[in-house]
């Protein structure tokens, strides 16, 4: 696993610019530092960020620091993963999940 494979931290301030106006395929891991399942999911997200580099932009959003974006996309529990294509949310999953399951969602995006 390469070090540069980690997901990019995103905030309320740059979310619109990078995701909505970006018009690219993107995945956003909504998490909090105190959340156990989020800490379990984090290395999987980082690994997939490396594996899908050049195909999917992978981001992480700390919901405690960025409540506007979490509210806008109705993130009620964490971890929540948001999936975007051409600036539109096309899917949303909740809870920690095994890499194979998450990969299935990534594969559907790049279809």
PDB file of N, CA and C in Angstrom:
ATOM      1  N   UNK A   1       0.840  -1.191   0.000  1.00  0.00           N
ATOM      2  CA  UNK A   1       0.000   0.000   0.000  1.00  0.00           C
ATOM      3  C   UNK A   1       0.888   1.259   0.000  1.00  0.00           C
ATOM      4  N   UNK A   2       0.701   2.100  -0.971  1.00  0.00           N
ATOM      5  CA  UNK A   2       1.512   3.312  -1.105  1.00  0.00           C
ATOM      6  C   UNK A   2       1.013   4.403  -0.170  1.00  0.00           C
ATOM      7  N   UNK A   3       1.932   5.199   0.335  1.00  0.00           N
ATOM      8  CA  UNK A   3       1.578   6.275   1.259  1.00  0.00           C
ATOM      9  C   UNK A   3       0.699   7.338   0.607  1.00  0.00           C
ATOM     10  N   UNK A   4       0.914   7.612  -0.677  1.00  0.00           N
ATOM     11  CA  UNK A   4       0.157   8.653  -1.352  1.00  0.00           C
ATOM     12  C   UNK A   4      -1.294   8.245  -1.629  1.00  0.00           C
ATOM     13  N   UNK A   5      -1.652   7.032  -1.217  1.00  0.00           N
ATOM     14  CA  UNK A   5      -2.985   6.523  -1.487  1.00  0.00           C
ATOM     15  C   UNK A   5      -4.054   7.063  -0.538  1.00  0.00           C
ATOM     16  N   UNK A   6      -3.676   7.842   0.455  1.00  0.00           N
ATOM     17  CA  UNK A   6      -4.666   8.304   1.409  1.00  0.00           C
ATOM     18  C   UNK A   6      -5.646   9.296   0.790  1.00  0.00           C
ATOM     19  N   UNK A   7      -6.866   9.243   1.292  1.00  0.00           N
ATOM     20  CA  UNK A   7      -7.916  10.143   0.814  1.00  0.00           C
ATOM     21  C   UNK A   7      -7.584  11.580   1.211  1.00  0.00           C
ATOM     22  N   UNK A   8      -8.143  12.515   0.459  1.00  0.00           N
ATOM     23  CA  UNK A   8      -7.896  13.944   0.684  1.00  0.00           C
ATOM     24  C   UNK A   8      -8.949  14.516   1.622  1.00  0.00           C
ATOM     25  N   UNK A   9      -8.516  15.276   2.591  1.00  0.00           N
ATOM     26  CA  UNK A   9      -9.422  15.931   3.540  1.00  0.00           C
ATOM     27  C   UNK A   9     -10.154  17.049   2.806  1.00  0.00           C
ATOM     28  N   UNK A  10     -11.467  17.127   2.995  1.00  0.00           N
ATOM     29  CA  UNK A  10     -12.287  18.151   2.340  1.00  0.00           C
ATOM     30  C   UNK A  10     -13.100  18.861   3.416  1.00  0.00           C
ATOM     31  N   UNK A  11     -13.547  20.089   3.128  1.00  0.00           N
ATOM     32  CA  UNK A  11     -14.300  20.857   4.124  1.00  0.00           C
ATOM     33  C   UNK A  11     -15.543  21.481   3.507  1.00  0.00           C
ATOM     34  N   UNK A  12     -16.375  22.073   4.360  1.00  0.00           N
ATOM     35  CA  UNK A  12     -17.551  22.805   3.883  1.00  0.00           C
ATOM     36  C   UNK A  12     -17.132  23.851   2.853  1.00  0.00           C
ATOM     37  N   UNK A  13     -15.988  24.499   3.111  1.00  0.00           N
ATOM     38  CA  UNK A  13     -15.514  25.593   2.259  1.00  0.00           C
ATOM     39  C   UNK A  13     -15.193  25.163   0.827  1.00  0.00           C
ATOM     40  N   UNK A  14     -14.604  23.984   0.655  1.00  0.00           N
ATOM     41  CA  UNK A  14     -14.213  23.576  -0.710  1.00  0.00           C
ATOM     42  C   UNK A  14     -15.055  22.431  -1.282  1.00  0.00           C
ATOM     43  N   UNK A  15     -16.060  21.975  -0.555  1.00  0.00           N
ATOM     44  CA  UNK A  15     -16.891  20.862  -1.015  1.00  0.00           C
ATOM     45  C   UNK A  15     -17.582  21.165  -2.344  1.00  0.00           C
ATOM     46  N   UNK A  16     -18.256  22.284  -2.413  1.00  0.00           N
ATOM     47  CA  UNK A  16     -18.994  22.677  -3.625  1.00  0.00           C
ATOM     48  C   UNK A  16     -18.061  22.720  -4.835  1.00  0.00           C
ATOM     49  N   UNK A  17     -16.920  23.354  -4.656  1.00  0.00           N
ATOM     50  CA  UNK A  17     -15.950  23.516  -5.747  1.00  0.00           C
ATOM     51  C   UNK A  17     -15.400  22.177  -6.234  1.00  0.00           C
ATOM     52  N   UNK A  18     -14.988  21.322  -5.294  1.00  0.00           N
ATOM     53  CA  UNK A  18     -14.342  20.062  -5.659  1.00  0.00           C
ATOM     54  C   UNK A  18     -15.315  18.966  -6.072  1.00  0.00           C
ATOM     55  N   UNK A  19     -16.461  18.896  -5.430  1.00  0.00           N
ATOM     56  CA  UNK A  19     -17.379  17.786  -5.688  1.00  0.00           C
ATOM     57  C   UNK A  19     -18.489  18.171  -6.665  1.00  0.00           C
ATOM     58  N   UNK A  20     -19.258  19.184  -6.332  1.00  0.00           N
ATOM     59  CA  UNK A  20     -20.424  19.545  -7.135  1.00  0.00           C
ATOM     60  C   UNK A  20     -20.030  20.152  -8.475  1.00  0.00           C
ATOM     61  N   UNK A  21     -19.108  21.099  -8.450  1.00  0.00           N
ATOM     62  CA  UNK A  21     -18.672  21.735  -9.698  1.00  0.00           C
ATOM     63  C   UNK A  21     -17.569  20.942 -10.379  1.00  0.00           C
ATOM     64  N   UNK A  22     -16.951  20.029  -9.636  1.00  0.00           N
ATOM     65  CA  UNK A  22     -15.843  19.235 -10.166  1.00  0.00           C
ATOM     66  C   UNK A  22     -16.242  18.314 -11.293  1.00  0.00           C
ATOM     67  N   UNK A  23     -17.503  17.877 -11.293  1.00  0.00           N
ATOM     68  CA  UNK A  23     -18.039  17.024 -12.356  1.00  0.00           C
ATOM     69  C   UNK A  23     -17.225  15.751 -12.576  1.00  0.00           C
ATOM     70  N   UNK A  24     -16.557  15.288 -11.545  1.00  0.00           N
ATOM     71  CA  UNK A  24     -15.796  14.048 -11.653  1.00  0.00           C
ATOM     72  C   UNK A  24     -16.446  12.993 -10.774  1.00  0.00           C
ATOM     73  N   UNK A  25     -15.952  11.801 -10.836  1.00  0.00           N
ATOM     74  CA  UNK A  25     -16.443  10.744  -9.962  1.00  0.00           C
ATOM     75  C   UNK A  25     -15.733  10.932  -8.617  1.00  0.00           C
ATOM     76  N   UNK A  26     -16.531  11.003  -7.557  1.00  0.00           N
ATOM     77  CA  UNK A  26     -15.955  11.242  -6.239  1.00  0.00           C
ATOM     78  C   UNK A  26     -16.671  10.420  -5.172  1.00  0.00           C
ATOM     79  N   UNK A  27     -15.906  10.059  -4.153  1.00  0.00           N
ATOM     80  CA  UNK A  27     -16.438   9.363  -2.991  1.00  0.00           C
ATOM     81  C   UNK A  27     -16.024  10.174  -1.773  1.00  0.00           C
ATOM     82  N   UNK A  28     -16.975  10.415  -0.867  1.00  0.00           N
ATOM     83  CA  UNK A  28     -16.688  11.186   0.340  1.00  0.00           C
ATOM     84  C   UNK A  28     -17.021  10.348   1.568  1.00  0.00           C
ATOM     85  N   UNK A  29     -16.009  10.098   2.384  1.00  0.00           N
ATOM     86  CA  UNK A  29     -16.164   9.369   3.642  1.00  0.00           C
ATOM     87  C   UNK A  29     -16.464  10.398   4.729  1.00  0.00           C
ATOM     88  N   UNK A  30     -17.693  10.407   5.240  1.00  0.00           N
ATOM     89  CA  UNK A  30     -18.091  11.323   6.317  1.00  0.00           C
ATOM     90  C   UNK A  30     -17.821  10.623   7.642  1.00  0.00           C
ATOM     91  N   UNK A  31     -16.980  11.238   8.476  1.00  0.00           N
ATOM     92  CA  UNK A  31     -16.513  10.585   9.699  1.00  0.00           C
ATOM     93  C   UNK A  31     -16.389  11.585  10.844  1.00  0.00           C
ATOM     94  N   UNK A  32     -16.062  11.064  12.027  1.00  0.00           N
ATOM     95  CA  UNK A  32     -15.685  11.892  13.177  1.00  0.00           C
ATOM     96  C   UNK A  32     -14.515  11.189  13.858  1.00  0.00           C
ATOM     97  N   UNK A  33     -13.638  11.955  14.452  1.00  0.00           N
ATOM     98  CA  UNK A  33     -12.427  11.387  15.058  1.00  0.00           C
ATOM     99  C   UNK A  33     -12.747  10.458  16.230  1.00  0.00           C
ATOM    100  N   UNK A  34     -13.858  10.684  16.926  1.00  0.00           N
ATOM    101  CA  UNK A  34     -14.229   9.888  18.103  1.00  0.00           C
ATOM    102  C   UNK A  34     -14.991   8.611  17.746  1.00  0.00           C
ATOM    103  N   UNK A  35     -15.310   8.410  16.480  1.00  0.00           N
ATOM    104  CA  UNK A  35     -16.171   7.309  16.028  1.00  0.00           C
ATOM    105  C   UNK A  35     -15.363   6.034  15.757  1.00  0.00           C
ATOM    106  N   UNK A  36     -15.643   4.974  16.523  1.00  0.00           N
ATOM    107  CA  UNK A  36     -14.950   3.694  16.367  1.00  0.00           C
ATOM    108  C   UNK A  36     -15.104   3.075  14.980  1.00  0.00           C
ATOM    109  N   UNK A  37     -16.353   2.903  14.497  1.00  0.00           N
ATOM    110  CA  UNK A  37     -16.521   2.338  13.155  1.00  0.00           C
ATOM    111  C   UNK A  37     -15.844   3.185  12.068  1.00  0.00           C
ATOM    112  N   UNK A  38     -15.783   4.500  12.279  1.00  0.00           N
ATOM    113  CA  UNK A  38     -15.104   5.381  11.318  1.00  0.00           C
ATOM    114  C   UNK A  38     -13.613   5.050  11.263  1.00  0.00           C
ATOM    115  N   UNK A  39     -13.023   4.795  12.428  1.00  0.00           N
ATOM    116  CA  UNK A  39     -11.600   4.454  12.483  1.00  0.00           C
ATOM    117  C   UNK A  39     -11.346   3.099  11.828  1.00  0.00           C
ATOM    118  N   UNK A  40     -12.338   2.201  11.872  1.00  0.00           N
ATOM    119  CA  UNK A  40     -12.202   0.900  11.209  1.00  0.00           C
ATOM    120  C   UNK A  40     -12.280   1.066   9.693  1.00  0.00           C
ATOM    121  N   UNK A  41     -13.128   1.970   9.227  1.00  0.00           N
ATOM    122  CA  UNK A  41     -13.331   2.179   7.800  1.00  0.00           C
ATOM    123  C   UNK A  41     -12.199   2.981   7.146  1.00  0.00           C
ATOM    124  N   UNK A  42     -11.589   3.861   7.904  1.00  0.00           N
ATOM    125  CA  UNK A  42     -10.583   4.784   7.382  1.00  0.00           C
ATOM    126  C   UNK A  42      -9.454   4.118   6.583  1.00  0.00           C
ATOM    127  N   UNK A  43      -8.793   3.075   7.097  1.00  0.00           N
ATOM    128  CA  UNK A  43      -7.719   2.462   6.306  1.00  0.00           C
ATOM    129  C   UNK A  43      -8.224   1.806   5.019  1.00  0.00           C
ATOM    130  N   UNK A  44      -9.458   1.327   5.036  1.00  0.00           N
ATOM    131  CA  UNK A  44     -10.048   0.717   3.838  1.00  0.00           C
ATOM    132  C   UNK A  44     -10.267   1.800   2.785  1.00  0.00           C
ATOM    133  N   UNK A  45     -10.797   2.939   3.209  1.00  0.00           N
ATOM    134  CA  UNK A  45     -11.012   4.081   2.305  1.00  0.00           C
ATOM    135  C   UNK A  45      -9.671   4.524   1.720  1.00  0.00           C
ATOM    136  N   UNK A  46      -8.642   4.607   2.570  1.00  0.00           N
ATOM    137  CA  UNK A  46      -7.306   5.008   2.105  1.00  0.00           C
ATOM    138  C   UNK A  46      -6.760   4.020   1.070  1.00  0.00           C
ATOM    139  N   UNK A  47      -6.957   2.741   1.321  1.00  0.00           N
ATOM    140  CA  UNK A  47      -6.471   1.714   0.394  1.00  0.00           C
ATOM    141  C   UNK A  47      -7.185   1.838  -0.957  1.00  0.00           C
ATOM    142  N   UNK A  48      -8.493   2.029  -0.919  1.00  0.00           N
ATOM    143  CA  UNK A  48      -9.256   2.162  -2.156  1.00  0.00           C
ATOM    144  C   UNK A  48      -8.920   3.461  -2.891  1.00  0.00           C
ATOM    145  N   UNK A  49      -8.573   4.512  -2.140  1.00  0.00           N
ATOM    146  CA  UNK A  49      -8.156   5.775  -2.759  1.00  0.00           C
ATOM    147  C   UNK A  49      -6.934   5.533  -3.637  1.00  0.00           C
ATOM    148  N   UNK A  50      -6.025   4.692  -3.172  1.00  0.00           N
ATOM    149  CA  UNK A  50      -4.835   4.354  -3.947  1.00  0.00           C
ATOM    150  C   UNK A  50      -5.159   3.463  -5.124  1.00  0.00           C
ATOM    151  N   UNK A  51      -6.012   2.483  -4.878  1.00  0.00           N
ATOM    152  CA  UNK A  51      -6.377   1.517  -5.914  1.00  0.00           C
ATOM    153  C   UNK A  51      -7.148   2.161  -7.074  1.00  0.00           C
ATOM    154  N   UNK A  52      -7.977   3.151  -6.756  1.00  0.00           N
ATOM    155  CA  UNK A  52      -8.812   3.791  -7.777  1.00  0.00           C
ATOM    156  C   UNK A  52      -8.284   5.163  -8.201  1.00  0.00           C
ATOM    157  N   UNK A  53      -7.039   5.439  -7.837  1.00  0.00           N
ATOM    158  CA  UNK A  53      -6.417   6.722  -8.189  1.00  0.00           C
ATOM    159  C   UNK A  53      -6.493   6.931  -9.698  1.00  0.00           C
ATOM    160  N   UNK A  54      -6.919   8.123 -10.103  1.00  0.00           N
ATOM    161  CA  UNK A  54      -7.056   8.419 -11.522  1.00  0.00           C
ATOM    162  C   UNK A  54      -8.445   8.094 -12.063  1.00  0.00           C
ATOM    163  N   UNK A  55      -9.223   7.317 -11.297  1.00  0.00           N
ATOM    164  CA  UNK A  55     -10.583   6.963 -11.709  1.00  0.00           C
ATOM    165  C   UNK A  55     -11.613   7.627 -10.800  1.00  0.00           C
ATOM    166  N   UNK A  56     -11.327   7.616  -9.493  1.00  0.00           N
ATOM    167  CA  UNK A  56     -12.240   8.181  -8.495  1.00  0.00           C
ATOM    168  C   UNK A  56     -11.441   9.078  -7.556  1.00  0.00           C
ATOM    169  N   UNK A  57     -11.964  10.282  -7.308  1.00  0.00           N
ATOM    170  CA  UNK A  57     -11.361  11.159  -6.302  1.00  0.00           C
ATOM    171  C   UNK A  57     -11.973  10.789  -4.958  1.00  0.00           C
ATOM    172  N   UNK A  58     -11.132  10.436  -3.995  1.00  0.00           N
ATOM    173  CA  UNK A  58     -11.616   9.994  -2.693  1.00  0.00           C
ATOM    174  C   UNK A  58     -11.288  11.047  -1.635  1.00  0.00           C
ATOM    175  N   UNK A  59     -12.327  11.449  -0.901  1.00  0.00           N
ATOM    176  CA  UNK A  59     -12.202  12.499   0.106  1.00  0.00           C
ATOM    177  C   UNK A  59     -12.701  12.012   1.459  1.00  0.00           C
ATOM    178  N   UNK A  60     -12.274  12.731   2.502  1.00  0.00           N
ATOM    179  CA  UNK A  60     -12.770  12.498   3.864  1.00  0.00           C
ATOM    180  C   UNK A  60     -13.293  13.824   4.397  1.00  0.00           C
ATOM    181  N   UNK A  61     -14.455  13.759   5.047  1.00  0.00           N
ATOM    182  CA  UNK A  61     -15.087  14.958   5.595  1.00  0.00           C
ATOM    183  C   UNK A  61     -15.366  14.732   7.075  1.00  0.00           C
ATOM    184  N   UNK A  62     -14.734  15.520   7.932  1.00  0.00           N
ATOM    185  CA  UNK A  62     -14.968  15.459   9.376  1.00  0.00           C
ATOM    186  C   UNK A  62     -16.288  16.188   9.657  1.00  0.00           C
ATOM    187  N   UNK A  63     -17.330  15.430  10.029  1.00  0.00           N
ATOM    188  CA  UNK A  63     -18.659  16.024  10.209  1.00  0.00           C
ATOM    189  C   UNK A  63     -18.732  16.990  11.389  1.00  0.00           C
ATOM    190  N   UNK A  64     -17.869  16.822  12.377  1.00  0.00           N
ATOM    191  CA  UNK A  64     -17.859  17.752  13.519  1.00  0.00           C
ATOM    192  C   UNK A  64     -17.352  19.126  13.101  1.00  0.00           C
ATOM    193  N   UNK A  65     -16.379  19.148  12.199  1.00  0.00           N
ATOM    194  CA  UNK A  65     -15.806  20.413  11.731  1.00  0.00           C
ATOM    195  C   UNK A  65     -16.571  20.988  10.541  1.00  0.00           C
ATOM    196  N   UNK A  66     -17.377  20.166   9.878  1.00  0.00           N
ATOM    197  CA  UNK A  66     -18.072  20.579   8.653  1.00  0.00           C
ATOM    198  C   UNK A  66     -19.554  20.202   8.691  1.00  0.00           C
ATOM    199  N   UNK A  67     -20.303  20.813   9.612  1.00  0.00           N
ATOM    200  CA  UNK A  67     -21.708  20.435   9.783  1.00  0.00           C
ATOM    201  C   UNK A  67     -22.615  20.808   8.605  1.00  0.00           C
ATOM    202  N   UNK A  68     -22.259  21.838   7.847  1.00  0.00           N
ATOM    203  CA  UNK A  68     -23.118  22.262   6.728  1.00  0.00           C
ATOM    204  C   UNK A  68     -23.252  21.172   5.675  1.00  0.00           C
ATOM    205  N   UNK A  69     -22.139  20.613   5.281  1.00  0.00           N
ATOM    206  CA  UNK A  69     -22.159  19.571   4.253  1.00  0.00           C
ATOM    207  C   UNK A  69     -22.870  18.326   4.779  1.00  0.00           C
ATOM    208  N   UNK A  70     -22.595  17.953   6.025  1.00  0.00           N
ATOM    209  CA  UNK A  70     -23.246  16.784   6.624  1.00  0.00           C
ATOM    210  C   UNK A  70     -24.760  16.983   6.646  1.00  0.00           C
ATOM    211  N   UNK A  71     -25.190  18.170   6.982  1.00  0.00           N
ATOM    212  CA  UNK A  71     -26.624  18.469   7.030  1.00  0.00           C
ATOM    213  C   UNK A  71     -27.234  18.466   5.627  1.00  0.00           C
ATOM    214  N   UNK A  72     -26.534  19.074   4.678  1.00  0.00           N
ATOM    215  CA  UNK A  72     -27.021  19.158   3.299  1.00  0.00           C
ATOM    216  C   UNK A  72     -27.314  17.771   2.707  1.00  0.00           C
ATOM    217  N   UNK A  73     -26.482  16.792   3.049  1.00  0.00           N
ATOM    218  CA  UNK A  73     -26.647  15.448   2.501  1.00  0.00           C
ATOM    219  C   UNK A  73     -27.288  14.477   3.495  1.00  0.00           C
ATOM    220  N   UNK A  74     -27.922  15.045   4.525  1.00  0.00           N
ATOM    221  CA  UNK A  74     -28.662  14.261   5.529  1.00  0.00           C
ATOM    222  C   UNK A  74     -27.843  13.130   6.137  1.00  0.00           C
ATOM    223  N   UNK A  75     -26.616  13.443   6.525  1.00  0.00           N
ATOM    224  CA  UNK A  75     -25.764  12.451   7.178  1.00  0.00           C
ATOM    225  C   UNK A  75     -26.208  12.375   8.641  1.00  0.00           C
ATOM    226  N   UNK A  76     -26.943  11.322   8.975  1.00  0.00           N
ATOM    227  CA  UNK A  76     -27.506  11.165  10.314  1.00  0.00           C
ATOM    228  C   UNK A  76     -26.666  10.258  11.207  1.00  0.00           C
ATOM    229  N   UNK A  77     -25.924   9.351  10.593  1.00  0.00           N
ATOM    230  CA  UNK A  77     -25.048   8.480  11.365  1.00  0.00           C
ATOM    231  C   UNK A  77     -23.733   8.337  10.609  1.00  0.00           C
ATOM    232  N   UNK A  78     -22.697   8.004  11.345  1.00  0.00           N
ATOM    233  CA  UNK A  78     -21.381   7.887  10.727  1.00  0.00           C
ATOM    234  C   UNK A  78     -20.794   6.521  11.068  1.00  0.00           C
ATOM    235  N   UNK A  79     -19.934   5.996  10.237  1.00  0.00           N
ATOM    236  CA  UNK A  79     -19.524   6.571   8.965  1.00  0.00           C
ATOM    237  C   UNK A  79     -20.623   6.491   7.899  1.00  0.00           C
ATOM    238  N   UNK A  80     -20.672   7.518   7.078  1.00  0.00           N
ATOM    239  CA  UNK A  80     -21.527   7.526   5.899  1.00  0.00           C
ATOM    240  C   UNK A  80     -20.627   7.818   4.713  1.00  0.00           C
ATOM    241  N   UNK A  81     -20.791   7.066   3.654  1.00  0.00           N
ATOM    242  CA  UNK A  81     -20.009   7.287   2.439  1.00  0.00           C
ATOM    243  C   UNK A  81     -20.965   7.785   1.355  1.00  0.00           C
ATOM    244  N   UNK A  82     -20.607   8.936   0.774  1.00  0.00           N
ATOM    245  CA  UNK A  82     -21.399   9.544  -0.294  1.00  0.00           C
ATOM    246  C   UNK A  82     -20.695   9.296  -1.622  1.00  0.00           C
ATOM    247  N   UNK A  83     -21.469   8.966  -2.642  1.00  0.00           N
ATOM    248  CA  UNK A  83     -20.925   8.654  -3.961  1.00  0.00           C
ATOM    249  C   UNK A  83     -21.458   9.666  -4.970  1.00  0.00           C
ATOM    250  N   UNK A  84     -20.562  10.322  -5.704  1.00  0.00           N
ATOM    251  CA  UNK A  84     -20.941  11.374  -6.654  1.00  0.00           C
ATOM    252  C   UNK A  84     -20.471  11.063  -8.063  1.00  0.00           C
ATOM    253  N   UNK A  85     -21.311  11.405  -9.026  1.00  0.00           N
ATOM    254  CA  UNK A  85     -20.953  11.293 -10.439  1.00  0.00           C
ATOM    255  C   UNK A  85     -21.472  12.560 -11.106  1.00  0.00           C
ATOM    256  N   UNK A  86     -20.600  13.272 -11.807  1.00  0.00           N
ATOM    257  CA  UNK A  86     -20.956  14.520 -12.484  1.00  0.00           C
ATOM    258  C   UNK A  86     -21.596  15.538 -11.533  1.00  0.00           C
ATOM    259  N   UNK A  87     -21.110  15.600 -10.301  1.00  0.00           N
ATOM    260  CA  UNK A  87     -21.593  16.582  -9.338  1.00  0.00           C
ATOM    261  C   UNK A  87     -22.885  16.213  -8.626  1.00  0.00           C
ATOM    262  N   UNK A  88     -23.469  15.059  -8.981  1.00  0.00           N
ATOM    263  CA  UNK A  88     -24.728  14.620  -8.373  1.00  0.00           C
ATOM    264  C   UNK A  88     -24.485  13.424  -7.455  1.00  0.00           C
ATOM    265  N   UNK A  89     -25.148  13.432  -6.282  1.00  0.00           N
ATOM    266  CA  UNK A  89     -25.044  12.274  -5.399  1.00  0.00           C
ATOM    267  C   UNK A  89     -25.857  11.141  -6.010  1.00  0.00           C
ATOM    268  N   UNK A  90     -25.211   9.991  -6.227  1.00  0.00           N
ATOM    269  CA  UNK A  90     -25.882   8.851  -6.844  1.00  0.00           C
ATOM    270  C   UNK A  90     -26.091   7.686  -5.886  1.00  0.00           C
ATOM    271  N   UNK A  91     -25.414   7.743  -4.739  1.00  0.00           N
ATOM    272  CA  UNK A  91     -25.540   6.664  -3.760  1.00  0.00           C
ATOM    273  C   UNK A  91     -25.049   7.148  -2.400  1.00  0.00           C
ATOM    274  N   UNK A  92     -25.459   6.427  -1.357  1.00  0.00           N
ATOM    275  CA  UNK A  92     -25.035   6.747   0.001  1.00  0.00           C
ATOM    276  C   UNK A  92     -25.101   5.453   0.801  1.00  0.00           C
ATOM    277  N   UNK A  93     -24.018   5.129   1.505  1.00  0.00           N
ATOM    278  CA  UNK A  93     -24.009   3.939   2.359  1.00  0.00           C
ATOM    279  C   UNK A  93     -23.649   4.355   3.774  1.00  0.00           C
ATOM    280  N   UNK A  94     -24.128   3.575   4.738  1.00  0.00           N
ATOM    281  CA  UNK A  94     -23.851   3.886   6.141  1.00  0.00           C
ATOM    282  C   UNK A  94     -23.215   2.697   6.837  1.00  0.00           C
ATOM    283  N   UNK A  95     -22.348   3.003   7.786  1.00  0.00           N
ATOM    284  CA  UNK A  95     -21.711   1.975   8.596  1.00  0.00           C
ATOM    285  C   UNK A  95     -20.417   1.469   7.993  1.00  0.00           C
ATOM    286  N   UNK A  96     -19.608   0.874   8.855  1.00  0.00           N
ATOM    287  CA  UNK A  96     -18.357   0.268   8.396  1.00  0.00           C
ATOM    288  C   UNK A  96     -18.715  -0.991   7.617  1.00  0.00           C
ATOM    289  N   UNK A  97     -18.015  -1.225   6.533  1.00  0.00           N
ATOM    290  CA  UNK A  97     -18.278  -2.420   5.731  1.00  0.00           C
ATOM    291  C   UNK A  97     -16.969  -3.011   5.244  1.00  0.00           C
ATOM    292  N   UNK A  98     -16.975  -4.300   4.909  1.00  0.00           N
ATOM    293  CA  UNK A  98     -15.748  -4.933   4.421  1.00  0.00           C
ATOM    294  C   UNK A  98     -15.316  -4.348   3.077  1.00  0.00           C
ATOM    295  N   UNK A  99     -14.038  -4.481   2.794  1.00  0.00           N
ATOM    296  CA  UNK A  99     -13.475  -3.884   1.581  1.00  0.00           C
ATOM    297  C   UNK A  99     -14.169  -4.380   0.315  1.00  0.00           C
ATOM    298  N   UNK A 100     -14.530  -5.647   0.252  1.00  0.00           N
ATOM    299  CA  UNK A 100     -15.174  -6.196  -0.934  1.00  0.00           C
ATOM    300  C   UNK A 100     -16.505  -5.518  -1.232  1.00  0.00           C
ATOM    301  N   UNK A 101     -17.260  -5.267  -0.185  1.00  0.00           N
ATOM    302  CA  UNK A 101     -18.555  -4.613  -0.322  1.00  0.00           C
ATOM    303  C   UNK A 101     -18.377  -3.170  -0.814  1.00  0.00           C
ATOM    304  N   UNK A 102     -17.432  -2.474  -0.201  1.00  0.00           N
ATOM    305  CA  UNK A 102     -17.151  -1.088  -0.569  1.00  0.00           C
ATOM    306  C   UNK A 102     -16.644  -1.013  -2.011  1.00  0.00           C
ATOM    307  N   UNK A 103     -15.796  -1.968  -2.369  1.00  0.00           N
ATOM    308  CA  UNK A 103     -15.260  -2.044  -3.729  1.00  0.00           C
ATOM    309  C   UNK A 103     -16.378  -2.173  -4.758  1.00  0.00           C
ATOM    310  N   UNK A 104     -17.417  -2.918  -4.411  1.00  0.00           N
ATOM    311  CA  UNK A 104     -18.565  -3.079  -5.289  1.00  0.00           C
ATOM    312  C   UNK A 104     -19.205  -1.740  -5.606  1.00  0.00           C
ATOM    313  N   UNK A 105     -19.312  -0.877  -4.587  1.00  0.00           N
ATOM    314  CA  UNK A 105     -19.872   0.460  -4.785  1.00  0.00           C
ATOM    315  C   UNK A 105     -18.946   1.324  -5.655  1.00  0.00           C
ATOM    316  N   UNK A 106     -17.638   1.187  -5.440  1.00  0.00           N
ATOM    317  CA  UNK A 106     -16.662   1.930  -6.238  1.00  0.00           C
ATOM    318  C   UNK A 106     -16.752   1.480  -7.708  1.00  0.00           C
ATOM    319  N   UNK A 107     -16.833   0.155  -7.918  1.00  0.00           N
ATOM    320  CA  UNK A 107     -16.897  -0.392  -9.271  1.00  0.00           C
ATOM    321  C   UNK A 107     -18.138   0.087 -10.011  1.00  0.00           C
ATOM    322  N   UNK A 108     -19.277   0.181  -9.313  1.00  0.00           N
ATOM    323  CA  UNK A 108     -20.507   0.663  -9.932  1.00  0.00           C
ATOM    324  C   UNK A 108     -20.332   2.095 -10.424  1.00  0.00           C
ATOM    325  N   UNK A 109     -19.582   2.901  -9.656  1.00  0.00           N
ATOM    326  CA  UNK A 109     -19.354   4.299 -10.031  1.00  0.00           C
ATOM    327  C   UNK A 109     -18.574   4.414 -11.331  1.00  0.00           C
ATOM    328  N   UNK A 110     -17.528   3.624 -11.451  1.00  0.00           N
ATOM    329  CA  UNK A 110     -16.695   3.719 -12.656  1.00  0.00           C
ATOM    330  C   UNK A 110     -17.278   2.926 -13.820  1.00  0.00           C
ATOM    331  N   UNK A 111     -18.208   2.002 -13.488  1.00  0.00           N
ATOM    332  CA  UNK A 111     -18.990   1.204 -14.411  1.00  0.00           C
ATOM    333  C   UNK A 111     -18.368   0.961 -15.720  1.00  0.00           C
TER     334      UNK A 111
END
